[in-house]
Amino acid sequence: MEQNNKNFTSVGTDIDEVKRLNAESGLSYNEVKELLAKTGGKGTALYSDTDVEEVKRQIQNSNEE
């Protein structure tokens, strides 16, 4: 008896095929948010790697000069 290792939803969608196609389709929503955060997008603080305290120090130092 041949073993069928494919995963299907209850309506017959091939889950592995959907995952494969999604991987080839481009950036995910979270990847886009991360990219926007690194390039100045609005509402993306969660994804930003900016050190807020360092920026505050730099602003304060530039105002003192």
PDB file of N, CA and C in Angstrom:
ATOM      1  N   MET A   1       0.834  -1.172   0.000  1.00  0.00           N
ATOM      2  CA  MET A   1       0.000   0.000   0.000  1.00  0.00           C
ATOM      3  C   MET A   1       0.888   1.247   0.000  1.00  0.00           C
ATOM      4  N   GLU A   2       0.623   2.185  -0.908  1.00  0.00           N
ATOM      5  CA  GLU A   2       1.416   3.407  -1.019  1.00  0.00           C
ATOM      6  C   GLU A   2       0.981   4.411   0.053  1.00  0.00           C
ATOM      7  N   GLN A   3       1.953   5.005   0.742  1.00  0.00           N
ATOM      8  CA  GLN A   3       1.688   5.970   1.803  1.00  0.00           C
ATOM      9  C   GLN A   3       1.593   7.366   1.205  1.00  0.00           C
ATOM     10  N   ASN A   4       0.525   8.082   1.503  1.00  0.00           N
ATOM     11  CA  ASN A   4       0.360   9.456   1.032  1.00  0.00           C
ATOM     12  C   ASN A   4       0.680  10.398   2.190  1.00  0.00           C
ATOM     13  N   ASN A   5       1.799  11.138   2.086  1.00  0.00           N
ATOM     14  CA  ASN A   5       2.257  12.002   3.171  1.00  0.00           C
ATOM     15  C   ASN A   5       1.791  13.444   3.013  1.00  0.00           C
ATOM     16  N   LYS A   6       0.895  13.727   2.081  1.00  0.00           N
ATOM     17  CA  LYS A   6       0.432  15.093   1.862  1.00  0.00           C
ATOM     18  C   LYS A   6      -0.537  15.501   2.959  1.00  0.00           C
ATOM     19  N   ASN A   7      -0.479  16.782   3.343  1.00  0.00           N
ATOM     20  CA  ASN A   7      -1.397  17.349   4.322  1.00  0.00           C
ATOM     21  C   ASN A   7      -2.458  18.150   3.585  1.00  0.00           C
ATOM     22  N   PHE A   8      -3.720  17.852   3.849  1.00  0.00           N
ATOM     23  CA  PHE A   8      -4.817  18.559   3.201  1.00  0.00           C
ATOM     24  C   PHE A   8      -5.777  19.112   4.248  1.00  0.00           C
ATOM     25  N   THR A   9      -6.417  20.264   3.927  1.00  0.00           N
ATOM     26  CA  THR A   9      -7.464  20.792   4.790  1.00  0.00           C
ATOM     27  C   THR A   9      -8.728  19.984   4.576  1.00  0.00           C
ATOM     28  N   SER A  10      -9.750  20.262   5.347  1.00  0.00           N
ATOM     29  CA  SER A  10     -11.007  19.517   5.223  1.00  0.00           C
ATOM     30  C   SER A  10     -11.674  19.730   3.871  1.00  0.00           C
ATOM     31  N   VAL A  11     -11.352  20.819   3.175  1.00  0.00           N
ATOM     32  CA  VAL A  11     -11.936  21.063   1.850  1.00  0.00           C
ATOM     33  C   VAL A  11     -11.008  20.650   0.712  1.00  0.00           C
ATOM     34  N   GLY A  12      -9.860  20.051   1.055  1.00  0.00           N
ATOM     35  CA  GLY A  12      -8.984  19.494   0.040  1.00  0.00           C
ATOM     36  C   GLY A  12      -7.808  20.342  -0.389  1.00  0.00           C
ATOM     37  N   THR A  13      -7.544  21.464   0.297  1.00  0.00           N
ATOM     38  CA  THR A  13      -6.399  22.310  -0.045  1.00  0.00           C
ATOM     39  C   THR A  13      -5.109  21.649   0.408  1.00  0.00           C
ATOM     40  N   ASP A  14      -4.126  21.600  -0.478  1.00  0.00           N
ATOM     41  CA  ASP A  14      -2.824  21.017  -0.176  1.00  0.00           C
ATOM     42  C   ASP A  14      -2.013  22.014   0.655  1.00  0.00           C
ATOM     43  N   ILE A  15      -1.897  21.781   1.940  1.00  0.00           N
ATOM     44  CA  ILE A  15      -1.242  22.703   2.871  1.00  0.00           C
ATOM     45  C   ILE A  15       0.224  22.917   2.513  1.00  0.00           C
ATOM     46  N   ASP A  16       0.929  21.868   2.168  1.00  0.00           N
ATOM     47  CA  ASP A  16       2.346  21.996   1.822  1.00  0.00           C
ATOM     48  C   ASP A  16       2.545  22.847   0.566  1.00  0.00           C
ATOM     49  N   GLU A  17       1.635  22.715  -0.398  1.00  0.00           N
ATOM     50  CA  GLU A  17       1.722  23.515  -1.619  1.00  0.00           C
ATOM     51  C   GLU A  17       1.466  24.990  -1.311  1.00  0.00           C
ATOM     52  N   VAL A  18       0.510  25.282  -0.458  1.00  0.00           N
ATOM     53  CA  VAL A  18       0.224  26.664  -0.074  1.00  0.00           C
ATOM     54  C   VAL A  18       1.438  27.264   0.638  1.00  0.00           C
ATOM     55  N   LYS A  19       2.058  26.531   1.537  1.00  0.00           N
ATOM     56  CA  LYS A  19       3.249  27.017   2.239  1.00  0.00           C
ATOM     57  C   LYS A  19       4.386  27.286   1.261  1.00  0.00           C
ATOM     58  N   ARG A  20       4.545  26.396   0.297  1.00  0.00           N
ATOM     59  CA  ARG A  20       5.603  26.574  -0.710  1.00  0.00           C
ATOM     60  C   ARG A  20       5.352  27.839  -1.522  1.00  0.00           C
ATOM     61  N   LEU A  21       4.131  28.029  -1.971  1.00  0.00           N
ATOM     62  CA  LEU A  21       3.796  29.208  -2.762  1.00  0.00           C
ATOM     63  C   LEU A  21       3.939  30.490  -1.948  1.00  0.00           C
ATOM     64  N   ASN A  22       3.541  30.457  -0.692  1.00  0.00           N
ATOM     65  CA  ASN A  22       3.689  31.629   0.180  1.00  0.00           C
ATOM     66  C   ASN A  22       5.155  32.006   0.359  1.00  0.00           C
ATOM     67  N   ALA A  23       6.016  31.015   0.497  1.00  0.00           N
ATOM     68  CA  ALA A  23       7.448  31.278   0.682  1.00  0.00           C
ATOM     69  C   ALA A  23       8.048  31.969  -0.539  1.00  0.00           C
ATOM     70  N   GLU A  24       7.467  31.735  -1.691  1.00  0.00           N
ATOM     71  CA  GLU A  24       7.974  32.326  -2.933  1.00  0.00           C
ATOM     72  C   GLU A  24       7.301  33.645  -3.276  1.00  0.00           C
ATOM     73  N   SER A  25       6.331  34.094  -2.492  1.00  0.00           N
ATOM     74  CA  SER A  25       5.496  35.225  -2.897  1.00  0.00           C
ATOM     75  C   SER A  25       6.030  36.591  -2.497  1.00  0.00           C
ATOM     76  N   GLY A  26       7.093  36.681  -1.728  1.00  0.00           N
ATOM     77  CA  GLY A  26       7.630  37.978  -1.339  1.00  0.00           C
ATOM     78  C   GLY A  26       7.642  38.142   0.167  1.00  0.00           C
ATOM     79  N   LEU A  27       7.678  39.391   0.600  1.00  0.00           N
ATOM     80  CA  LEU A  27       7.777  39.698   2.023  1.00  0.00           C
ATOM     81  C   LEU A  27       6.461  39.425   2.744  1.00  0.00           C
ATOM     82  N   SER A  28       6.577  38.972   3.981  1.00  0.00           N
ATOM     83  CA  SER A  28       5.393  38.804   4.818  1.00  0.00           C
ATOM     84  C   SER A  28       5.000  40.169   5.385  1.00  0.00           C
ATOM     85  N   TYR A  29       3.826  40.248   5.978  1.00  0.00           N
ATOM     86  CA  TYR A  29       3.354  41.481   6.600  1.00  0.00           C
ATOM     87  C   TYR A  29       4.355  41.976   7.644  1.00  0.00           C
ATOM     88  N   ASN A  30       4.824  41.078   8.500  1.00  0.00           N
ATOM     89  CA  ASN A  30       5.783  41.474   9.541  1.00  0.00           C
ATOM     90  C   ASN A  30       7.123  41.881   8.956  1.00  0.00           C
ATOM     91  N   GLU A  31       7.544  41.253   7.875  1.00  0.00           N
ATOM     92  CA  GLU A  31       8.805  41.644   7.232  1.00  0.00           C
ATOM     93  C   GLU A  31       8.694  43.046   6.644  1.00  0.00           C
ATOM     94  N   VAL A  32       7.542  43.375   6.094  1.00  0.00           N
ATOM     95  CA  VAL A  32       7.325  44.723   5.552  1.00  0.00           C
ATOM     96  C   VAL A  32       7.340  45.738   6.682  1.00  0.00           C
ATOM     97  N   LYS A  33       6.667  45.425   7.803  1.00  0.00           N
ATOM     98  CA  LYS A  33       6.666  46.339   8.942  1.00  0.00           C
ATOM     99  C   LYS A  33       8.089  46.565   9.458  1.00  0.00           C
ATOM    100  N   GLU A  34       8.881  45.512   9.518  1.00  0.00           N
ATOM    101  CA  GLU A  34      10.266  45.644   9.979  1.00  0.00           C
ATOM    102  C   GLU A  34      11.064  46.528   9.030  1.00  0.00           C
ATOM    103  N   LEU A  35      10.900  46.323   7.730  1.00  0.00           N
ATOM    104  CA  LEU A  35      11.610  47.132   6.739  1.00  0.00           C
ATOM    105  C   LEU A  35      11.201  48.599   6.849  1.00  0.00           C
ATOM    106  N   LEU A  36       9.904  48.853   7.020  1.00  0.00           N
ATOM    107  CA  LEU A  36       9.446  50.228   7.189  1.00  0.00           C
ATOM    108  C   LEU A  36      10.022  50.863   8.441  1.00  0.00           C
ATOM    109  N   ALA A  37      10.103  50.101   9.517  1.00  0.00           N
ATOM    110  CA  ALA A  37      10.651  50.622  10.769  1.00  0.00           C
ATOM    111  C   ALA A  37      12.097  51.051  10.594  1.00  0.00           C
ATOM    112  N   LYS A  38      12.829  50.306   9.811  1.00  0.00           N
ATOM    113  CA  LYS A  38      14.249  50.621   9.608  1.00  0.00           C
ATOM    114  C   LYS A  38      14.440  51.783   8.638  1.00  0.00           C
ATOM    115  N   THR A  39      13.381  52.134   7.882  1.00  0.00           N
ATOM    116  CA  THR A  39      13.501  53.212   6.902  1.00  0.00           C
ATOM    117  C   THR A  39      12.576  54.382   7.207  1.00  0.00           C
ATOM    118  N   GLY A  40      12.011  54.424   8.424  1.00  0.00           N
ATOM    119  CA  GLY A  40      11.261  55.599   8.846  1.00  0.00           C
ATOM    120  C   GLY A  40       9.758  55.523   8.697  1.00  0.00           C
ATOM    121  N   GLY A  41       9.151  54.351   8.673  1.00  0.00           N
ATOM    122  CA  GLY A  41       7.702  54.238   8.571  1.00  0.00           C
ATOM    123  C   GLY A  41       7.004  54.672   9.843  1.00  0.00           C
ATOM    124  N   LYS A  42       5.715  55.022   9.734  1.00  0.00           N
ATOM    125  CA  LYS A  42       4.924  55.462  10.886  1.00  0.00           C
ATOM    126  C   LYS A  42       4.312  54.266  11.600  1.00  0.00           C
ATOM    127  N   GLY A  43       4.239  54.326  12.917  1.00  0.00           N
ATOM    128  CA  GLY A  43       3.595  53.282  13.703  1.00  0.00           C
ATOM    129  C   GLY A  43       4.342  51.962  13.712  1.00  0.00           C
ATOM    130  N   THR A  44       5.663  52.016  13.582  1.00  0.00           N
ATOM    131  CA  THR A  44       6.454  50.790  13.475  1.00  0.00           C
ATOM    132  C   THR A  44       7.446  50.634  14.620  1.00  0.00           C
ATOM    133  N   ALA A  45       7.230  51.323  15.721  1.00  0.00           N
ATOM    134  CA  ALA A  45       8.175  51.304  16.835  1.00  0.00           C
ATOM    135  C   ALA A  45       8.446  49.901  17.349  1.00  0.00           C
ATOM    136  N   LEU A  46       7.428  49.047  17.320  1.00  0.00           N
ATOM    137  CA  LEU A  46       7.585  47.669  17.784  1.00  0.00           C
ATOM    138  C   LEU A  46       8.694  46.943  17.027  1.00  0.00           C
ATOM    139  N   TYR A  47       8.873  47.277  15.753  1.00  0.00           N
ATOM    140  CA  TYR A  47       9.835  46.571  14.906  1.00  0.00           C
ATOM    141  C   TYR A  47      11.167  47.305  14.788  1.00  0.00           C
ATOM    142  N   SER A  48      11.269  48.484  15.364  1.00  0.00           N
ATOM    143  CA  SER A  48      12.460  49.310  15.207  1.00  0.00           C
ATOM    144  C   SER A  48      13.597  48.828  16.103  1.00  0.00           C
ATOM    145  N   ASP A  49      14.818  48.950  15.604  1.00  0.00           N
ATOM    146  CA  ASP A  49      15.983  48.615  16.408  1.00  0.00           C
ATOM    147  C   ASP A  49      16.712  49.889  16.865  1.00  0.00           C
ATOM    148  N   THR A  50      16.010  51.029  16.804  1.00  0.00           N
ATOM    149  CA  THR A  50      16.574  52.301  17.232  1.00  0.00           C
ATOM    150  C   THR A  50      16.653  52.354  18.748  1.00  0.00           C
ATOM    151  N   ASP A  51      17.792  52.799  19.260  1.00  0.00           N
ATOM    152  CA  ASP A  51      17.978  52.986  20.697  1.00  0.00           C
ATOM    153  C   ASP A  51      17.447  54.380  21.044  1.00  0.00           C
ATOM    154  N   VAL A  52      16.234  54.421  21.557  1.00  0.00           N
ATOM    155  CA  VAL A  52      15.554  55.686  21.829  1.00  0.00           C
ATOM    156  C   VAL A  52      16.352  56.549  22.793  1.00  0.00           C
ATOM    157  N   GLU A  53      16.906  55.951  23.822  1.00  0.00           N
ATOM    158  CA  GLU A  53      17.681  56.720  24.809  1.00  0.00           C
ATOM    159  C   GLU A  53      18.922  57.343  24.172  1.00  0.00           C
ATOM    160  N   GLU A  54      19.561  56.629  23.272  1.00  0.00           N
ATOM    161  CA  GLU A  54      20.736  57.166  22.579  1.00  0.00           C
ATOM    162  C   GLU A  54      20.348  58.358  21.708  1.00  0.00           C
ATOM    163  N   VAL A  55      19.234  58.276  21.033  1.00  0.00           N
ATOM    164  CA  VAL A  55      18.763  59.386  20.204  1.00  0.00           C
ATOM    165  C   VAL A  55      18.469  60.600  21.080  1.00  0.00           C
ATOM    166  N   LYS A  56      17.839  60.385  22.233  1.00  0.00           N
ATOM    167  CA  LYS A  56      17.563  61.492  23.160  1.00  0.00           C
ATOM    168  C   LYS A  56      18.857  62.140  23.620  1.00  0.00           C
ATOM    169  N   ARG A  57      19.881  61.323  23.929  1.00  0.00           N
ATOM    170  CA  ARG A  57      21.184  61.868  24.352  1.00  0.00           C
ATOM    171  C   ARG A  57      21.808  62.702  23.234  1.00  0.00           C
ATOM    172  N   GLN A  58      21.720  62.215  22.014  1.00  0.00           N
ATOM    173  CA  GLN A  58      22.298  62.947  20.882  1.00  0.00           C
ATOM    174  C   GLN A  58      21.592  64.285  20.682  1.00  0.00           C
ATOM    175  N   ILE A  59      20.282  64.288  20.817  1.00  0.00           N
ATOM    176  CA  ILE A  59      19.516  65.540  20.665  1.00  0.00           C
ATOM    177  C   ILE A  59      19.882  66.511  21.776  1.00  0.00           C
ATOM    178  N   GLN A  60      19.956  65.999  22.992  1.00  0.00           N
ATOM    179  CA  GLN A  60      20.297  66.859  24.118  1.00  0.00           C
ATOM    180  C   GLN A  60      21.702  67.442  23.945  1.00  0.00           C
ATOM    181  N   ASN A  61      22.646  66.615  23.517  1.00  0.00           N
ATOM    182  CA  ASN A  61      24.017  67.074  23.310  1.00  0.00           C
ATOM    183  C   ASN A  61      24.089  68.130  22.205  1.00  0.00           C
ATOM    184  N   SER A  62      23.325  67.952  21.145  1.00  0.00           N
ATOM    185  CA  SER A  62      23.371  68.918  20.036  1.00  0.00           C
ATOM    186  C   SER A  62      22.724  70.242  20.437  1.00  0.00           C
ATOM    187  N   ASN A  63      21.744  70.188  21.346  1.00  0.00           N
ATOM    188  CA  ASN A  63      21.098  71.421  21.834  1.00  0.00           C
ATOM    189  C   ASN A  63      22.002  72.179  22.801  1.00  0.00           C
ATOM    190  N   GLU A  64      22.917  71.494  23.448  1.00  0.00           N
ATOM    191  CA  GLU A  64      23.825  72.133  24.415  1.00  0.00           C
ATOM    192  C   GLU A  64      24.993  72.824  23.735  1.00  0.00           C
ATOM    193  N   GLU A  65      25.275  72.474  22.513  1.00  0.00           N
ATOM    194  CA  GLU A  65      26.439  73.038  21.804  1.00  0.00           C
ATOM    195  C   GLU A  65      26.181  74.407  21.265  1.00  0.00           C
TER     196      GLU A  65
END
